[in-house]
């Protein structure tokens, strides 16, 4: 099966999202998106993904361009930084990449963010395509043109908006993910239902066993719905001036947890914890019932995501302090995303430190009641 979504900006189509069972149409799709017959493509990938897919992807891309190179950097969030970007710049310069050439981000969110930022800034911007290989990147970071790298311990603090020319999702890559990586993608997927589509949230719960078993037909359907949710939000707000901020539900506290854990917890795991805390805050504001918060918590558990901070020995006050360095701060206020109900989010700028601490203590193993 194949699926296609088209992302528009100002009424014009700017790129397609293709969901395919394998890489066999990648060369044709790239040729449709870009005329690279006289130009080069550099595949940027990490040391985990390269042995699995780099050569197969190279063979497909060779049909649509003059030459394909592969640049491999060490895997891990700790390598999503300006030092690695500098090394990619140097490789591109030494191999005479010009503005007509293209980068291909092959891997998860770290690779997509780093490659996209490199493409946005090399020669003031060259084309790139996204070939996401993790569930998280297939439903989140590959779509929307947000690129960036971490600066010291500050996540995605340096970045740019730079739209890809194509997003090519191969669902077969889900079979090589370990269970923890697969679960991380589910953290963002569950979030999509929570902020935009209550029926989708319910469908995820109904199909949890088959999704966890990697039923690829169901996973394709799930990716399609999540990608369409993100497409609609991105089209309405391409540079995050308004409603796109809803996608940050669970991220304010999630990013702070991620930072304090020194990235030992995956992004999707931290988002899951942040979503539960934000749901609890939504309940204290009278928007959700506590049984709905428990349903959200149980949904995270069904998809093997963490729901309790106790095991991580984190101080709630330090987590809240870490939110002050988040890029979502605006005039000294945090743009906190809450739920008015499951399926509908809103931005609140009045959430206090004490409220956040209370929510973190609630998910830190305390008695689960308001």
Protein backbone atom coordinates (compact mmCIF):
# COMPACT_ATOMS: atom_id res chain seq x y z
CA UNK A 1 0.00 0.00 0.00
CA UNK A 2 1.04 3.60 -0.58
CA UNK A 3 -0.22 6.87 0.83
CA UNK A 4 0.48 10.47 -0.11
CA UNK A 5 -0.11 13.77 1.66
CA UNK A 6 0.78 17.14 0.20
CA UNK A 7 1.91 20.02 2.38
CA UNK A 8 0.90 23.49 1.18
CA UNK A 9 2.12 26.96 2.03
CA UNK A 10 0.27 30.12 1.01
CA UNK A 11 -1.99 27.98 -1.17
CA UNK A 12 0.84 26.32 -3.11
CA UNK A 13 2.07 22.73 -2.80
CA UNK A 14 5.61 22.69 -1.40
CA UNK A 15 6.34 19.01 -0.75
CA UNK A 16 4.81 15.56 -0.58
CA UNK A 17 4.84 13.07 2.27
CA UNK A 18 4.95 9.55 0.82
CA UNK A 19 4.26 6.51 2.99
CA UNK A 20 5.59 3.40 1.26
CA UNK A 21 6.26 -0.23 2.26
CA UNK A 22 9.86 -0.14 0.93
CA UNK A 23 12.44 2.12 -0.76
CA UNK A 24 11.64 1.06 -4.33
CA UNK A 25 9.97 4.36 -5.32
CA UNK A 26 12.49 6.65 -3.61
CA UNK A 27 14.48 7.49 -6.75
CA UNK A 28 11.37 8.27 -8.78
CA UNK A 29 9.86 10.35 -5.97
CA UNK A 30 13.08 12.34 -5.58
CA UNK A 31 13.23 12.96 -9.34
CA UNK A 32 9.64 14.20 -9.25
CA UNK A 33 10.50 16.60 -6.41
CA UNK A 34 13.85 17.90 -7.69
CA UNK A 35 15.78 17.98 -10.95
CA UNK A 36 19.12 16.56 -9.82
CA UNK A 37 20.28 14.91 -13.04
CA UNK A 38 23.43 17.08 -13.12
CA UNK A 39 23.76 17.36 -9.36
CA UNK A 40 24.93 15.40 -6.33
CA UNK A 41 23.14 14.02 -3.27
CA UNK A 42 24.88 13.55 0.07
CA UNK A 43 23.15 11.07 2.37
CA UNK A 44 23.68 12.20 5.97
CA UNK A 45 23.14 9.33 8.37
CA UNK A 46 24.38 8.01 11.70
CA UNK A 47 26.48 5.02 12.67
CA UNK A 48 23.43 2.96 13.70
CA UNK A 49 21.34 3.51 10.58
CA UNK A 50 24.11 3.44 7.96
CA UNK A 51 24.76 -0.34 8.13
CA UNK A 52 21.02 -1.03 7.80
CA UNK A 53 19.88 1.27 4.99
CA UNK A 54 22.58 3.55 3.56
CA UNK A 55 23.59 1.35 0.61
CA UNK A 56 19.98 0.47 -0.30
CA UNK A 57 19.03 4.14 -0.27
CA UNK A 58 22.14 5.05 -2.25
CA UNK A 59 21.21 2.55 -4.98
CA UNK A 60 17.75 4.09 -5.30
CA UNK A 61 19.02 7.68 -5.39
CA UNK A 62 21.70 6.95 -7.99
CA UNK A 63 18.94 6.75 -10.59
CA UNK A 64 18.06 10.45 -10.26
CA UNK A 65 21.37 12.29 -9.83
CA UNK A 66 24.99 12.40 -11.03
CA UNK A 67 26.58 11.09 -7.81
CA UNK A 68 25.62 9.93 -4.32
CA UNK A 69 27.91 10.30 -1.30
CA UNK A 70 27.37 9.06 2.24
CA UNK A 71 28.41 11.03 5.33
CA UNK A 72 28.21 9.06 8.61
CA UNK A 73 28.37 10.70 12.05
CA UNK A 74 28.28 9.00 15.49
CA UNK A 75 24.78 8.05 16.67
CA UNK A 76 23.22 9.74 19.67
CA UNK A 77 21.58 12.99 20.79
CA UNK A 78 24.92 14.14 22.21
CA UNK A 79 26.18 14.47 18.62
CA UNK A 80 23.37 16.79 17.50
CA UNK A 81 25.52 19.87 17.88
CA UNK A 82 27.40 22.58 16.00
CA UNK A 83 30.67 20.63 16.08
CA UNK A 84 29.14 17.86 13.97
CA UNK A 85 27.47 20.41 11.68
CA UNK A 86 30.90 21.96 11.14
CA UNK A 87 32.27 18.58 10.07
CA UNK A 88 29.42 18.11 7.59
CA UNK A 89 30.11 21.60 6.18
CA UNK A 90 33.76 20.65 5.71
CA UNK A 91 32.83 17.41 3.94
CA UNK A 92 30.48 19.27 1.59
CA UNK A 93 33.07 21.94 0.82
CA UNK A 94 35.82 19.40 0.13
CA UNK A 95 33.47 17.48 -2.16
CA UNK A 96 32.44 20.65 -4.01
CA UNK A 97 28.75 20.70 -3.12
CA UNK A 98 27.01 23.73 -4.59
CA UNK A 99 23.54 25.28 -4.36
CA UNK A 100 22.11 22.90 -6.93
CA UNK A 101 23.04 19.84 -4.90
CA UNK A 102 20.96 18.15 -2.22
CA UNK A 103 21.23 16.51 1.20
CA UNK A 104 19.23 13.45 2.26
CA UNK A 105 18.54 12.93 5.97
CA UNK A 106 18.46 9.15 6.54
CA UNK A 107 17.65 8.26 10.12
CA UNK A 108 15.74 9.42 13.16
CA UNK A 109 15.01 12.85 14.55
CA UNK A 110 18.61 13.65 15.44
CA UNK A 111 19.70 13.05 11.84
CA UNK A 112 16.74 14.92 10.38
CA UNK A 113 17.25 17.95 12.61
CA UNK A 114 21.01 18.07 12.08
CA UNK A 115 20.87 17.48 8.32
CA UNK A 116 18.02 19.95 7.90
CA UNK A 117 19.91 22.64 9.81
CA UNK A 118 22.99 21.98 7.71
CA UNK A 119 20.93 22.30 4.53
CA UNK A 120 19.32 25.52 5.80
CA UNK A 121 22.66 27.19 6.46
CA UNK A 122 25.14 25.74 3.92
CA UNK A 123 25.56 28.29 1.11
CA UNK A 124 22.57 30.14 2.65
CA UNK A 125 20.32 27.17 1.94
CA UNK A 126 20.28 24.09 -0.28
CA UNK A 127 17.60 21.46 -0.89
CA UNK A 128 17.17 18.43 1.31
CA UNK A 129 14.87 15.45 1.61
CA UNK A 130 13.78 13.56 4.70
CA UNK A 131 13.96 9.75 4.84
CA UNK A 132 12.91 9.09 8.46
CA UNK A 133 13.57 5.60 9.80
CA UNK A 134 12.12 5.81 13.33
CA UNK A 135 8.45 6.01 14.22
CA UNK A 136 9.11 9.23 16.13
CA UNK A 137 10.71 10.96 13.15
CA UNK A 138 8.07 9.61 10.75
CA UNK A 139 5.25 11.30 12.66
CA UNK A 140 7.02 14.34 14.06
CA UNK A 141 10.40 15.84 13.25
CA UNK A 142 10.52 15.04 9.52
CA UNK A 143 7.39 17.14 8.86
CA UNK A 144 7.10 20.90 9.12
CA UNK A 145 10.56 22.25 8.36
CA UNK A 146 11.75 22.82 11.93
CA UNK A 147 15.48 22.07 12.03
CA UNK A 148 18.01 22.60 14.78
CA UNK A 149 20.80 21.39 16.99
CA UNK A 150 21.42 21.41 20.72
CA UNK A 151 23.68 24.05 22.26
CA UNK A 152 25.48 22.63 25.29
CA UNK A 153 22.59 21.15 27.34
CA UNK A 154 19.93 23.36 25.74
CA UNK A 155 17.79 21.33 23.35
CA UNK A 156 17.19 22.70 19.82
CA UNK A 157 18.31 26.15 20.89
CA UNK A 158 19.98 26.86 17.51
CA UNK A 159 17.84 26.26 14.45
CA UNK A 160 16.02 27.43 11.36
CA UNK A 161 12.80 26.83 9.46
CA UNK A 162 13.75 25.07 6.22
CA UNK A 163 11.18 22.94 4.40
CA UNK A 164 12.22 19.61 2.89
CA UNK A 165 11.54 18.93 -0.78
CA UNK A 166 10.21 15.44 0.01
CA UNK A 167 9.45 13.25 3.01
CA UNK A 168 9.73 9.55 2.13
CA UNK A 169 8.53 7.20 4.88
CA UNK A 170 9.38 3.51 4.51
CA UNK A 171 7.27 1.57 7.03
CA UNK A 172 9.53 -1.50 6.77
CA UNK A 173 12.10 0.37 8.86
CA UNK A 174 9.79 0.00 11.86
CA UNK A 175 10.74 -3.67 11.99
CA UNK A 176 14.36 -2.86 12.90
CA UNK A 177 13.47 -0.58 15.83
CA UNK A 178 13.86 -1.93 19.33
CA UNK A 179 10.78 -1.81 21.55
CA UNK A 180 11.95 1.31 23.40
CA UNK A 181 12.49 3.28 20.18
CA UNK A 182 9.11 2.19 18.83
CA UNK A 183 7.41 3.25 22.06
CA UNK A 184 9.04 6.69 21.79
CA UNK A 185 7.16 7.33 18.57
CA UNK A 186 3.94 6.41 20.31
CA UNK A 187 4.52 9.22 22.82
CA UNK A 188 4.13 11.80 20.02
CA UNK A 189 1.32 9.86 18.33
CA UNK A 190 -0.77 9.71 21.51
CA UNK A 191 -0.11 13.45 21.90
CA UNK A 192 -1.60 14.05 18.43
CA UNK A 193 -4.86 12.45 19.51
CA UNK A 194 -4.87 14.36 22.78
CA UNK A 195 -4.53 17.78 21.15
CA UNK A 196 -6.57 17.35 17.93
CA UNK A 197 -8.61 14.15 17.61
CA UNK A 198 -10.36 12.37 20.48
CA UNK A 199 -11.62 9.61 18.14
CA UNK A 200 -8.04 8.89 17.05
CA UNK A 201 -6.95 8.76 20.69
CA UNK A 202 -9.67 6.17 21.32
CA UNK A 203 -8.70 4.21 18.17
CA UNK A 204 -5.12 3.95 19.41
CA UNK A 205 -6.31 2.35 22.61
CA UNK A 206 -8.54 -0.07 20.74
CA UNK A 207 -5.67 -1.19 18.50
CA UNK A 208 -2.82 -1.08 21.00
CA UNK A 209 -1.98 -4.79 20.88
CA UNK A 210 -1.76 -4.93 17.08
CA UNK A 211 0.22 -1.68 16.92
CA UNK A 212 2.69 -2.94 19.53
CA UNK A 213 3.03 -6.12 17.46
CA UNK A 214 4.09 -3.91 14.47
CA UNK A 215 1.14 -4.74 12.23
CA UNK A 216 2.45 -2.65 9.32
CA UNK A 217 -0.97 -2.08 7.73
CA UNK A 218 -2.25 -0.61 10.99
CA UNK A 219 1.00 1.29 11.50
CA UNK A 220 0.65 2.82 8.02
CA UNK A 221 -2.89 3.93 8.86
CA UNK A 222 -1.67 5.36 12.17
CA UNK A 223 1.23 7.23 10.56
CA UNK A 224 -1.11 8.64 7.92
CA UNK A 225 -3.52 10.06 10.52
CA UNK A 226 -0.73 11.50 12.68
CA UNK A 227 1.05 13.01 9.69
CA UNK A 228 -2.19 14.56 8.50
CA UNK A 229 -2.77 16.13 11.92
CA UNK A 230 0.71 17.63 11.82
CA UNK A 231 0.25 18.69 8.16
CA UNK A 232 -2.92 20.64 8.98
CA UNK A 233 -1.29 22.38 11.94
CA UNK A 234 1.89 23.23 10.02
CA UNK A 235 -0.02 24.58 7.02
CA UNK A 236 -1.99 26.91 9.28
CA UNK A 237 1.10 28.13 11.14
CA UNK A 238 4.37 27.30 9.32
CA UNK A 239 6.68 29.32 11.59
CA UNK A 240 5.03 28.64 14.97
CA UNK A 241 3.46 32.01 15.61
CA UNK A 242 0.15 30.59 16.82
CA UNK A 243 -1.64 27.24 16.75
CA UNK A 244 1.47 25.23 15.86
CA UNK A 245 2.52 25.69 19.47
CA UNK A 246 -0.20 23.14 20.33
CA UNK A 247 2.23 20.50 19.09
CA UNK A 248 4.37 21.38 22.12
CA UNK A 249 1.86 19.75 24.46
CA UNK A 250 3.93 17.82 27.01
CA UNK A 251 7.17 19.38 25.77
CA UNK A 252 7.74 22.16 28.32
CA UNK A 253 8.30 19.76 31.20
CA UNK A 254 9.34 16.95 28.84
CA UNK A 255 12.29 18.92 27.46
CA UNK A 256 13.35 19.91 30.98
CA UNK A 257 13.29 16.26 32.08
CA UNK A 258 15.24 15.31 28.95
CA UNK A 259 17.89 17.91 29.73
CA UNK A 260 18.29 16.90 33.39
CA UNK A 261 18.53 13.23 32.40
CA UNK A 262 21.36 14.25 30.04
CA UNK A 263 19.37 12.64 27.22
CA UNK A 264 19.50 9.18 28.87
CA UNK A 265 15.74 9.07 28.37
CA UNK A 266 14.47 9.24 24.80
CA UNK A 267 12.52 12.28 23.63
CA UNK A 268 9.23 10.38 23.30
CA UNK A 269 9.57 9.01 26.82
CA UNK A 270 10.08 12.50 28.22
CA UNK A 271 7.14 13.82 26.19
CA UNK A 272 4.95 11.08 27.67
CA UNK A 273 5.83 12.20 31.20
CA UNK A 274 5.24 15.82 30.22
CA UNK A 275 1.85 14.96 28.70
CA UNK A 276 0.71 13.25 31.89
CA UNK A 277 1.82 16.24 33.98
CA UNK A 278 0.06 18.66 31.59
CA UNK A 279 -3.09 16.52 31.72
CA UNK A 280 -3.03 16.67 35.51
CA UNK A 281 -2.68 20.48 35.31
CA UNK A 282 -5.63 20.53 32.91
CA UNK A 283 -7.64 18.64 35.51
CA UNK A 284 -6.68 21.04 38.29
CA UNK A 285 -7.98 23.84 36.03
CA UNK A 286 -11.32 22.02 35.82
CA UNK A 287 -11.00 21.02 32.16
CA UNK A 288 -10.50 17.26 32.49
CA UNK A 289 -11.88 14.76 34.96
CA UNK A 290 -9.35 12.79 36.94
CA UNK A 291 -10.61 9.55 35.42
CA UNK A 292 -9.67 11.02 32.02
CA UNK A 293 -6.17 11.80 33.32
CA UNK A 294 -5.94 8.18 34.47
CA UNK A 295 -7.06 7.05 30.99
CA UNK A 296 -4.22 9.08 29.49
CA UNK A 297 -1.77 7.61 31.98
CA UNK A 298 -2.98 4.09 31.24
CA UNK A 299 -2.66 4.74 27.49
CA UNK A 300 1.01 5.60 27.97
CA UNK A 301 1.47 2.41 29.96
CA UNK A 302 -0.17 0.30 27.23
CA UNK A 303 2.46 1.54 24.82
CA UNK A 304 5.31 0.90 27.27
CA UNK A 305 6.05 4.54 28.03
CA UNK A 306 7.18 5.79 31.48
CA UNK A 307 4.49 7.28 33.70
CA UNK A 308 6.35 7.71 36.98
CA UNK A 309 9.33 9.96 37.79
CA UNK A 310 10.32 8.04 40.92
CA UNK A 311 12.85 5.79 39.20
CA UNK A 312 14.75 8.75 37.77
CA UNK A 313 15.51 10.57 41.04
CA UNK A 314 14.69 14.02 39.67
CA UNK A 315 13.86 17.01 41.86
CA UNK A 316 10.63 18.69 40.66
CA UNK A 317 12.01 22.12 41.55
CA UNK A 318 15.08 21.53 39.35
CA UNK A 319 12.85 20.41 36.49
CA UNK A 320 10.83 23.62 36.76
CA UNK A 321 14.03 25.69 36.93
CA UNK A 322 15.18 24.00 33.70
CA UNK A 323 12.02 25.16 31.91
CA UNK A 324 13.26 28.77 32.19
CA UNK A 325 15.87 28.08 29.52
CA UNK A 326 13.37 26.56 27.11
CA UNK A 327 12.98 28.20 23.69
CA UNK A 328 9.21 28.31 24.26
CA UNK A 329 9.63 31.15 26.77
CA UNK A 330 8.04 34.38 25.57
CA UNK A 331 8.67 37.68 27.38
CA UNK A 332 9.62 35.72 30.48
CA UNK A 333 6.41 33.65 30.40
CA UNK A 334 6.09 30.01 29.48
CA UNK A 335 3.59 29.25 26.73
CA UNK A 336 2.19 26.17 28.43
CA UNK A 337 -0.13 23.95 26.38
CA UNK A 338 -3.10 22.49 28.28
CA UNK A 339 -6.21 20.56 27.29
CA UNK A 340 -9.72 21.97 27.42
CA UNK A 341 -10.76 18.37 26.74
CA UNK A 342 -9.20 15.30 25.11
CA UNK A 343 -8.85 16.28 21.46
CA UNK A 344 -8.67 20.04 22.05
CA UNK A 345 -5.67 22.06 23.25
CA UNK A 346 -5.09 25.69 24.15
CA UNK A 347 -2.19 27.90 25.20
CA UNK A 348 -2.01 29.18 28.77
CA UNK A 349 0.52 31.74 29.97
CA UNK A 350 -0.56 31.70 33.61
CA UNK A 351 0.78 28.32 34.77
CA UNK A 352 2.84 28.93 37.91
CA UNK A 353 5.96 27.23 39.16
CA UNK A 354 4.05 25.82 42.12
CA UNK A 355 1.45 24.29 39.78
CA UNK A 356 4.17 22.62 37.72
CA UNK A 357 5.86 21.32 40.87
CA UNK A 358 2.54 19.92 42.07
CA UNK A 359 2.01 18.13 38.75
CA UNK A 360 5.53 16.69 38.79
CA UNK A 361 5.04 15.45 42.35
CA UNK A 362 1.81 13.79 41.24
CA UNK A 363 3.63 11.82 38.54
CA UNK A 364 6.53 11.20 40.91
CA UNK A 365 4.78 8.32 42.60
CA UNK A 366 2.36 10.22 44.79
CA UNK A 367 -1.29 9.37 45.44
CA UNK A 368 -3.17 9.88 42.17
CA UNK A 369 -5.92 12.28 43.14
CA UNK A 370 -6.58 16.00 42.88
